[in-house]
Protein backbone atom coordinates (compact mmCIF):
# COMPACT_ATOMS: atom_id res chain seq x y z
CA UNK A 1 0.00 0.00 0.00
CA UNK A 2 2.79 2.42 0.95
CA UNK A 3 4.70 2.02 -2.36
CA UNK A 4 1.52 2.74 -4.33
CA UNK A 5 0.84 5.80 -2.17
CA UNK A 6 4.41 7.03 -2.64
CA UNK A 7 4.15 6.50 -6.40
CA UNK A 8 0.89 8.42 -6.66
CA UNK A 9 2.07 11.22 -4.37
CA UNK A 10 5.28 11.70 -6.33
CA UNK A 11 3.42 11.90 -9.62
CA UNK A 12 0.89 14.40 -8.26
CA UNK A 13 3.71 16.56 -6.87
CA UNK A 14 5.35 16.59 -10.28
CA UNK A 15 8.64 15.01 -9.17
CA UNK A 16 10.97 13.57 -11.83
CA UNK A 17 9.81 10.13 -12.95
CA UNK A 18 12.98 8.31 -11.92
CA UNK A 19 12.78 9.77 -8.40
CA UNK A 20 9.14 8.70 -8.11
CA UNK A 21 9.97 5.14 -9.18
CA UNK A 22 13.00 4.87 -6.89
CA UNK A 23 11.04 6.29 -3.95
CA UNK A 24 8.38 3.61 -4.44
CA UNK A 25 11.08 0.92 -4.42
CA UNK A 26 12.84 2.30 -1.35
CA UNK A 27 9.57 2.58 0.56
CA UNK A 28 9.07 -1.14 0.01
CA UNK A 29 12.49 -1.94 1.47
CA UNK A 30 11.53 0.06 4.55
CA UNK A 31 8.42 -2.08 4.99
CA UNK A 32 10.29 -5.33 4.35
CA UNK A 33 13.81 -5.28 5.84
CA UNK A 34 14.42 -8.77 4.39
CA UNK A 35 15.00 -7.15 0.98
CA UNK A 36 18.71 -6.17 0.91
CA UNK A 37 19.46 -2.70 -0.41
CA UNK A 38 22.23 -4.22 -2.52
CA UNK A 39 19.68 -6.28 -4.45
CA UNK A 40 17.78 -3.14 -5.44
CA UNK A 41 21.00 -1.57 -6.71
CA UNK A 42 21.90 -4.74 -8.63
CA UNK A 43 18.47 -4.89 -10.26
CA UNK A 44 18.63 -1.22 -11.22
CA UNK A 45 21.94 -1.73 -13.01
CA UNK A 46 20.79 -5.04 -14.50
CA UNK A 47 18.01 -3.12 -16.23
CA UNK A 48 20.68 -1.40 -18.32
CA UNK A 49 22.81 -4.50 -18.95
CA UNK A 50 21.59 -5.23 -22.47
CA UNK A 51 23.46 -4.67 -25.73
CA UNK A 52 20.38 -3.55 -27.76
CA UNK A 53 19.95 -0.60 -25.37
CA UNK A 54 23.11 0.83 -26.90
CA UNK A 55 20.87 1.83 -29.81
CA UNK A 56 19.15 4.45 -27.65
CA UNK A 57 22.04 6.96 -27.33
CA UNK A 58 22.91 6.37 -30.99
CA UNK A 59 19.42 7.21 -32.26
CA UNK A 60 19.15 10.15 -29.86
CA UNK A 61 22.45 11.50 -31.17
CA UNK A 62 21.33 10.88 -34.75
CA UNK A 63 18.12 12.80 -34.14
CA UNK A 64 20.02 15.76 -32.69
CA UNK A 65 22.37 15.74 -35.69
CA UNK A 66 19.46 15.79 -38.12
CA UNK A 67 17.98 18.85 -36.45
CA UNK A 68 21.26 20.77 -36.48
CA UNK A 69 22.12 19.80 -40.08
CA UNK A 70 18.76 21.03 -41.38
CA UNK A 71 17.44 17.62 -42.45
CA UNK A 72 14.08 18.17 -40.73
CA UNK A 73 13.73 21.67 -42.21
CA UNK A 74 14.33 20.37 -45.74
CA UNK A 75 11.74 17.63 -45.34
CA UNK A 76 9.14 20.06 -44.01
CA UNK A 77 9.80 22.44 -46.89
CA UNK A 78 9.30 19.62 -49.39
CA UNK A 79 6.09 18.46 -47.67
CA UNK A 80 4.72 22.01 -47.73
CA UNK A 81 5.41 22.33 -51.46
CA UNK A 82 3.87 18.93 -52.24
CA UNK A 83 0.68 19.36 -50.21
CA UNK A 84 0.34 23.12 -49.68
CA UNK A 85 -1.77 23.76 -52.80
CA UNK A 86 -4.40 21.21 -51.64
CA UNK A 87 -7.26 22.27 -49.36
CA UNK A 88 -6.02 21.09 -45.97
CA UNK A 89 -2.61 20.37 -47.46
CA UNK A 90 -0.68 22.35 -44.86
CA UNK A 91 -2.25 20.21 -42.14
CA UNK A 92 -1.31 17.14 -44.17
CA UNK A 93 2.27 18.45 -44.35
CA UNK A 94 2.35 18.69 -40.54
CA UNK A 95 1.12 15.09 -40.21
CA UNK A 96 3.73 13.98 -42.73
CA UNK A 97 6.44 15.99 -41.01
CA UNK A 98 5.62 14.48 -37.62
CA UNK A 99 5.64 11.00 -39.15
CA UNK A 100 9.00 11.54 -40.82
CA UNK A 101 10.71 13.19 -37.87
CA UNK A 102 9.38 10.47 -35.56
CA UNK A 103 11.23 7.98 -37.74
CA UNK A 104 14.54 9.73 -37.12
CA UNK A 105 14.26 10.97 -33.55
CA UNK A 106 12.32 8.33 -31.59
CA UNK A 107 11.10 11.06 -29.20
CA UNK A 108 7.59 12.54 -29.08
CA UNK A 109 8.44 15.89 -27.40
CA UNK A 110 11.37 16.37 -29.80
CA UNK A 111 9.02 15.76 -32.72
CA UNK A 112 6.54 18.37 -31.44
CA UNK A 113 9.24 20.98 -30.88
CA UNK A 114 10.98 20.44 -34.21
CA UNK A 115 7.90 20.30 -36.44
CA UNK A 116 6.18 23.03 -34.41
CA UNK A 117 9.05 25.46 -34.82
CA UNK A 118 9.28 24.70 -38.53
CA UNK A 119 5.59 24.81 -39.45
CA UNK A 120 3.45 26.10 -36.57
CA UNK A 121 3.76 29.78 -37.47
CA UNK A 122 3.22 29.13 -41.19
CA UNK A 123 -0.03 27.29 -40.42
CA UNK A 124 -1.37 30.21 -38.39
CA UNK A 125 -0.16 32.75 -40.96
CA UNK A 126 -1.98 30.79 -43.68
CA UNK A 127 -5.30 31.17 -41.83
CA UNK A 128 -5.49 27.99 -39.73
CA UNK A 129 -6.67 28.53 -36.19
CA UNK A 130 -4.05 28.38 -33.44
CA UNK A 131 -6.11 25.75 -31.61
CA UNK A 132 -6.19 23.49 -34.67
CA UNK A 133 -2.44 23.91 -35.19
CA UNK A 134 -1.68 23.12 -31.56
CA UNK A 135 -3.98 20.09 -31.37
CA UNK A 136 -2.59 18.62 -34.59
CA UNK A 137 1.02 19.11 -33.48
CA UNK A 138 0.62 17.65 -30.00
CA UNK A 139 -1.39 14.63 -31.14
CA UNK A 140 0.65 13.73 -34.23
CA UNK A 141 3.83 14.42 -32.27
CA UNK A 142 2.92 11.37 -30.20
CA UNK A 143 3.95 9.26 -33.19
CA UNK A 144 7.48 9.44 -31.78
CA UNK A 145 6.43 6.56 -29.50
CA UNK A 146 5.15 4.39 -32.36
CA UNK A 147 7.27 5.03 -35.44
CA UNK A 148 10.68 3.26 -35.41
CA UNK A 149 13.31 3.80 -34.06
CA UNK A 150 11.14 4.52 -31.02
CA UNK A 151 12.95 4.27 -27.68
CA UNK A 152 9.84 2.58 -26.30
CA UNK A 153 10.00 -0.19 -28.92
CA UNK A 154 13.67 -0.90 -28.21
CA UNK A 155 13.09 -1.07 -24.46
CA UNK A 156 9.92 -3.17 -24.83
CA UNK A 157 11.77 -5.62 -27.06
CA UNK A 158 14.58 -5.96 -24.52
CA UNK A 159 12.44 -6.46 -21.39
CA UNK A 160 9.99 -8.89 -23.04
CA UNK A 161 12.40 -10.74 -25.33
CA UNK A 162 10.41 -9.69 -28.41
CA UNK A 163 12.07 -9.29 -31.80
CA UNK A 164 12.91 -5.60 -32.21
CA UNK A 165 12.94 -6.02 -35.99
CA UNK A 166 9.35 -7.31 -35.91
CA UNK A 167 8.32 -4.54 -33.53
CA UNK A 168 9.81 -1.97 -35.91
CA UNK A 169 8.02 -3.43 -38.94
CA UNK A 170 4.54 -3.74 -37.44
CA UNK A 171 4.78 -0.50 -35.46
CA UNK A 172 5.64 1.32 -38.67
CA UNK A 173 2.40 0.04 -40.21
CA UNK A 174 0.46 0.97 -37.07
CA UNK A 175 2.05 4.42 -37.05
CA UNK A 176 1.17 4.99 -40.70
CA UNK A 177 -2.42 3.90 -39.97
CA UNK A 178 -2.53 6.30 -37.00
CA UNK A 179 -1.14 9.13 -39.14
CA UNK A 180 -3.54 8.26 -41.98
CA UNK A 181 -6.57 8.63 -39.71
CA UNK A 182 -5.37 12.06 -38.60
CA UNK A 183 -4.57 13.10 -42.17
CA UNK A 184 -8.06 12.21 -43.41
CA UNK A 185 -9.76 13.94 -40.48
CA UNK A 186 -7.54 17.03 -40.88
CA UNK A 187 -8.37 17.34 -44.59
CA UNK A 188 -12.10 16.92 -43.96
CA UNK A 189 -12.01 19.54 -41.20
CA UNK A 190 -9.96 21.96 -43.31
CA UNK A 191 -12.39 21.68 -46.21
CA UNK A 192 -15.40 22.13 -43.93
CA UNK A 193 -13.85 25.31 -42.52
CA UNK A 194 -12.61 26.54 -45.89
CA UNK A 195 -9.00 26.95 -44.83
CA UNK A 196 -6.87 28.65 -47.51
CA UNK A 197 -4.43 26.96 -49.88
CA UNK A 198 -0.97 27.99 -51.07
CA UNK A 199 -0.19 28.73 -54.71
CA UNK A 200 0.99 25.74 -56.73
CA UNK A 201 4.81 25.82 -56.76
CA UNK A 202 6.79 26.49 -59.90
CA UNK A 203 8.29 23.38 -61.48
CA UNK A 204 11.84 24.68 -61.12
CA UNK A 205 11.35 25.45 -57.43
CA UNK A 206 9.84 22.03 -56.78
CA UNK A 207 12.74 20.25 -58.51
CA UNK A 208 15.27 22.30 -56.53
CA UNK A 209 13.63 21.54 -53.16
CA UNK A 210 13.17 17.85 -54.05
CA UNK A 211 16.82 17.53 -55.07
CA UNK A 212 17.88 19.19 -51.82
CA UNK A 213 15.70 16.92 -49.65
CA UNK A 214 16.09 13.63 -51.53
CA UNK A 215 19.22 12.43 -49.67
CA UNK A 216 17.42 13.04 -46.36
CA UNK A 217 14.46 10.90 -47.45
CA UNK A 218 16.74 7.86 -47.47
CA UNK A 219 17.34 8.03 -43.71
CA UNK A 220 14.16 6.16 -42.62
CA UNK A 221 14.98 3.46 -45.19
CA UNK A 222 18.39 2.97 -43.59
CA UNK A 223 16.77 2.45 -40.19
CA UNK A 224 13.53 0.62 -40.88
CA UNK A 225 14.65 -1.23 -44.00
CA UNK A 226 17.97 -2.29 -42.51
CA UNK A 227 16.54 -3.56 -39.22
CA UNK A 228 13.37 -5.16 -40.65
CA UNK A 229 15.33 -7.03 -43.33
CA UNK A 230 17.90 -8.27 -40.83
CA UNK A 231 20.79 -6.55 -42.60
CA UNK A 232 21.57 -4.46 -39.52
CA UNK A 233 20.77 -4.64 -35.83
CA UNK A 234 19.14 -1.58 -34.20
CA UNK A 235 22.53 -0.60 -32.78
CA UNK A 236 24.23 -0.88 -36.17
CA UNK A 237 21.39 1.10 -37.75
CA UNK A 238 22.01 3.89 -35.23
CA UNK A 239 25.68 4.03 -36.18
CA UNK A 240 24.75 3.99 -39.88
CA UNK A 241 22.41 6.95 -39.45
CA UNK A 242 25.03 9.02 -37.63
CA UNK A 243 27.66 8.28 -40.27
CA UNK A 244 25.23 9.02 -43.12
CA UNK A 245 24.12 12.36 -41.68
CA UNK A 246 27.71 13.43 -41.04
CA UNK A 247 28.60 12.56 -44.65
CA UNK A 248 25.56 14.47 -45.91
CA UNK A 249 26.62 17.54 -44.01
CA UNK A 250 30.28 17.24 -45.01
CA UNK A 251 29.59 16.98 -48.75
CA UNK A 252 26.19 18.66 -49.27
CA UNK A 253 24.67 20.73 -46.49
CA UNK A 254 27.64 22.28 -44.64
CA UNK A 255 25.48 23.30 -41.66
CA UNK A 256 27.50 21.93 -38.73
CA UNK A 257 30.04 24.06 -36.91
CA UNK A 258 31.80 23.68 -33.58
CA UNK A 259 29.01 25.28 -31.53
CA UNK A 260 26.34 23.08 -33.15
CA UNK A 261 28.41 19.94 -32.55
CA UNK A 262 28.77 20.87 -28.88
CA UNK A 263 25.00 21.38 -28.69
CA UNK A 264 24.38 18.01 -30.38
CA UNK A 265 26.51 16.06 -27.92
CA UNK A 266 25.29 18.03 -24.90
CA UNK A 267 21.59 17.60 -25.68
CA UNK A 268 22.10 13.99 -26.75
CA UNK A 269 23.90 13.16 -23.51
CA UNK A 270 21.21 14.81 -21.38
CA UNK A 271 18.37 13.01 -23.17
CA UNK A 272 20.15 9.66 -22.96
CA UNK A 273 20.90 10.13 -19.26
CA UNK A 274 17.24 10.87 -18.52
CA UNK A 275 16.10 7.75 -20.38
CA UNK A 276 18.68 5.47 -18.75
CA UNK A 277 17.94 6.68 -15.22
CA UNK A 278 14.23 6.05 -15.78
CA UNK A 279 14.99 2.59 -17.18
CA UNK A 280 17.10 1.57 -14.20
CA UNK A 281 14.50 2.81 -11.70
CA UNK A 282 11.66 1.09 -13.59
CA UNK A 283 13.66 -2.16 -13.75
CA UNK A 284 14.10 -2.12 -9.96
CA UNK A 285 10.38 -1.52 -9.44
CA UNK A 286 9.48 -4.24 -11.95
CA UNK A 287 11.63 -6.74 -10.06
CA UNK A 288 10.03 -5.73 -6.78
CA UNK A 289 6.54 -6.26 -8.23
CA UNK A 290 7.56 -9.75 -9.34
CA UNK A 291 9.35 -10.66 -6.09
CA UNK A 292 6.43 -9.52 -3.93
CA UNK A 293 3.98 -11.81 -5.73
CA UNK A 294 1.94 -8.94 -7.15
CA UNK A 295 2.92 -9.93 -10.69
CA UNK A 296 1.62 -13.47 -10.20
CA UNK A 297 -1.71 -12.15 -8.93
CA UNK A 298 -2.03 -9.73 -11.84
CA UNK A 299 -1.13 -12.47 -14.32
CA UNK A 300 -3.89 -14.67 -12.90
CA UNK A 301 -6.36 -11.77 -13.08
CA UNK A 302 -5.46 -10.90 -16.67
CA UNK A 303 -5.81 -14.56 -17.63
CA UNK A 304 -9.33 -14.86 -16.21
CA UNK A 305 -11.28 -12.94 -18.85
CA UNK A 306 -13.80 -14.65 -21.10
CA UNK A 307 -12.32 -13.50 -24.41
CA UNK A 308 -9.23 -11.88 -25.85
CA UNK A 309 -11.28 -8.79 -26.71
CA UNK A 310 -12.11 -8.26 -23.04
CA UNK A 311 -8.44 -8.68 -22.19
CA UNK A 312 -7.48 -6.16 -24.87
CA UNK A 313 -10.02 -3.65 -23.57
CA UNK A 314 -8.56 -3.92 -20.06
CA UNK A 315 -4.96 -3.82 -21.34
CA UNK A 316 -5.70 -0.67 -23.33
CA UNK A 317 -7.34 0.96 -20.32
CA UNK A 318 -4.39 0.05 -18.08
CA UNK A 319 -1.91 1.64 -20.45
CA UNK A 320 -4.10 4.64 -21.27
CA UNK A 321 -4.67 5.47 -17.60
CA UNK A 322 -1.07 4.69 -16.71
CA UNK A 323 0.08 6.95 -19.54
CA UNK A 324 -1.63 9.88 -17.84
CA UNK A 325 0.92 9.63 -15.04
CA UNK A 326 4.03 7.83 -16.32
CA UNK A 327 5.86 7.81 -19.64
CA UNK A 328 5.43 4.88 -22.03
CA UNK A 329 8.97 3.57 -21.51
CA UNK A 330 8.54 3.24 -17.73
CA UNK A 331 5.15 1.57 -18.15
CA UNK A 332 6.59 -0.79 -20.75
CA UNK A 333 9.24 -1.97 -18.29
CA UNK A 334 6.80 -2.32 -15.38
CA UNK A 335 3.70 -3.88 -16.98
CA UNK A 336 4.94 -4.93 -20.44
CA UNK A 337 6.11 -8.42 -19.38
CA UNK A 338 2.85 -9.01 -17.48
CA UNK A 339 0.67 -8.09 -20.46
CA UNK A 340 2.80 -10.14 -22.86
CA UNK A 341 2.51 -13.24 -20.65
CA UNK A 342 -1.26 -12.74 -20.31
CA UNK A 343 -1.71 -12.02 -24.01
CA UNK A 344 -0.08 -15.30 -24.99
CA UNK A 345 -2.80 -17.13 -23.04
CA UNK A 346 -5.30 -15.63 -25.51
CA UNK A 347 -3.17 -16.33 -28.56
CA UNK A 348 -2.05 -12.71 -28.96
CA UNK A 349 1.64 -12.55 -29.96
CA UNK A 350 4.04 -10.30 -28.03
CA UNK A 351 4.60 -8.14 -31.12
CA UNK A 352 0.88 -7.30 -31.23
CA UNK A 353 0.94 -6.35 -27.54
CA UNK A 354 3.95 -4.10 -28.15
CA UNK A 355 2.28 -2.35 -31.08
CA UNK A 356 -0.94 -1.77 -29.14
CA UNK A 357 0.89 -0.48 -26.07
CA UNK A 358 2.95 1.82 -28.28
CA UNK A 359 -0.15 3.51 -29.69
CA UNK A 360 -1.59 3.84 -26.18
CA UNK A 361 1.71 5.38 -25.11
CA UNK A 362 1.48 7.85 -28.01
CA UNK A 363 -1.95 8.98 -26.81
CA UNK A 364 -0.63 9.23 -23.25
CA UNK A 365 1.98 11.72 -24.46
CA UNK A 366 -0.73 14.38 -24.86
CA UNK A 367 -3.15 13.27 -22.14
CA UNK A 368 -3.39 15.26 -18.88
CA UNK A 369 -2.20 15.64 -16.27
CA UNK A 370 1.38 14.60 -17.10
CA UNK A 371 1.61 13.91 -20.84
CA UNK A 372 5.06 15.16 -21.83
CA UNK A 373 3.85 16.83 -25.04
CA UNK A 374 1.61 19.09 -22.97
CA UNK A 375 4.65 20.62 -21.29
CA UNK A 376 6.31 21.63 -24.54
CA UNK A 377 3.07 23.18 -25.86
CA UNK A 378 3.97 26.74 -24.71
CA UNK A 379 7.11 26.59 -26.89
CA UNK A 380 5.00 26.03 -30.03
CA UNK A 381 2.26 28.56 -29.32
CA UNK A 382 0.21 26.91 -26.59
CA UNK A 383 -1.30 28.64 -23.57
CA UNK A 384 -2.18 27.28 -20.15
CA UNK A 385 -2.54 23.54 -19.51
CA UNK A 386 -6.32 23.92 -19.17
CA UNK A 387 -6.74 25.71 -22.51
CA UNK A 388 -4.40 23.24 -24.23
CA UNK A 389 -6.43 20.27 -22.99
CA UNK A 390 -9.68 21.89 -24.18
CA UNK A 391 -8.07 22.34 -27.58
CA UNK A 392 -7.16 18.65 -27.69
CA UNK A 393 -10.65 17.24 -26.94
CA UNK A 394 -11.62 16.66 -30.62
CA UNK A 395 -8.22 15.08 -31.25
CA UNK A 396 -8.75 12.59 -28.42
CA UNK A 397 -11.78 11.22 -30.28
CA UNK A 398 -9.72 10.85 -33.45
CA UNK A 399 -7.02 9.12 -31.41
CA UNK A 400 -9.51 6.61 -30.01
CA UNK A 401 -10.72 5.82 -33.54
CA UNK A 402 -7.12 5.20 -34.60
CA UNK A 403 -6.56 3.07 -31.49
CA UNK A 404 -9.54 0.84 -32.32
CA UNK A 405 -8.24 0.33 -35.87
CA UNK A 406 -4.73 -0.49 -34.62
CA UNK A 407 -6.13 -3.03 -32.13
CA UNK A 408 -8.07 -4.71 -34.92
CA UNK A 409 -5.00 -4.77 -37.17
CA UNK A 410 -2.76 -6.12 -34.41
CA UNK A 411 -5.09 -8.98 -33.48
CA UNK A 412 -6.38 -9.94 -36.92
CA UNK A 413 -3.26 -9.44 -39.05
CA UNK A 414 -0.12 -9.90 -36.94
């Protein structure tokens, strides 16, 4: 009871996630002196003792490099030219930009900030409402949890023993389905409201922008194609991306200088440190849940439903509600193994569970009170938390529609 109270209190007080998780673990050791402190430390470090986790700092560094070398800006410029002359095309460009940048950053807040800074002002200047711009950015920015090389997918694959290559492949399809639902709804809404369109670009301008952005378009193929085909491991794909971006900048873009390189390594190190600390704390808490017998009780409860659809409904609710308070990566470490074990009793493969949880995690990124995307909203034109949440209400309904479709795909196709 005390660990749960500590966990809830820490979240409500807005403490850092890793401190909340560690406090819950330490409170348990106070209640049960038979648990040696050394074991908790060992389990925390064991949560990081996995070679595939090396992919996380590599992809984080690659994402930072792509921002500083102008890769994201070139892609957004191309998307705007391709779709801008269509009614609702600018909104479609934002969806496409979020999808692309998610595939190179693996981080939802980073996706919101990057795409928001590149396209948020242009949307408003073109006549789109600020509320529509903000809702679209925050919701589609959640794709950073779903689209490979998502940090969540790598961690989920490690803690559950699921093939990361398979997670990448099926999550890509789920992410494209999620983005497709938002794209269709955005176009319908834009046409209903009569939002303006941009002039059709000149052929010469289009060719110039396409030629400039074409090398950048190959980056997702290096990651997703290489890992899904088995040519590279996730770690090797991360190295490949870094090398490719550095070569692009050296021979084509010439954007990097000493100050930008320092910023890349500084921001990459900070992001990686945050993720790793959360992982170690979540691993310790996950072990404690198992050792205390709570995991066995939950596994029995999850296995007692009449059908797999009932189980899926409960699993979705668990992750949706949990995502309001904790990030997807922490939840994946804590409850991922439990849901995978229960899902196999209903004939649901671990890959399907990972895909479904990823989409739930994406929705949790912009769900109050602690969705991380909500806290970067002011930097892309958002107001107070209350006004931002009101803005997002229509987008929550679209998200639930996408979630239902992804659940159906995961169970019937995978």
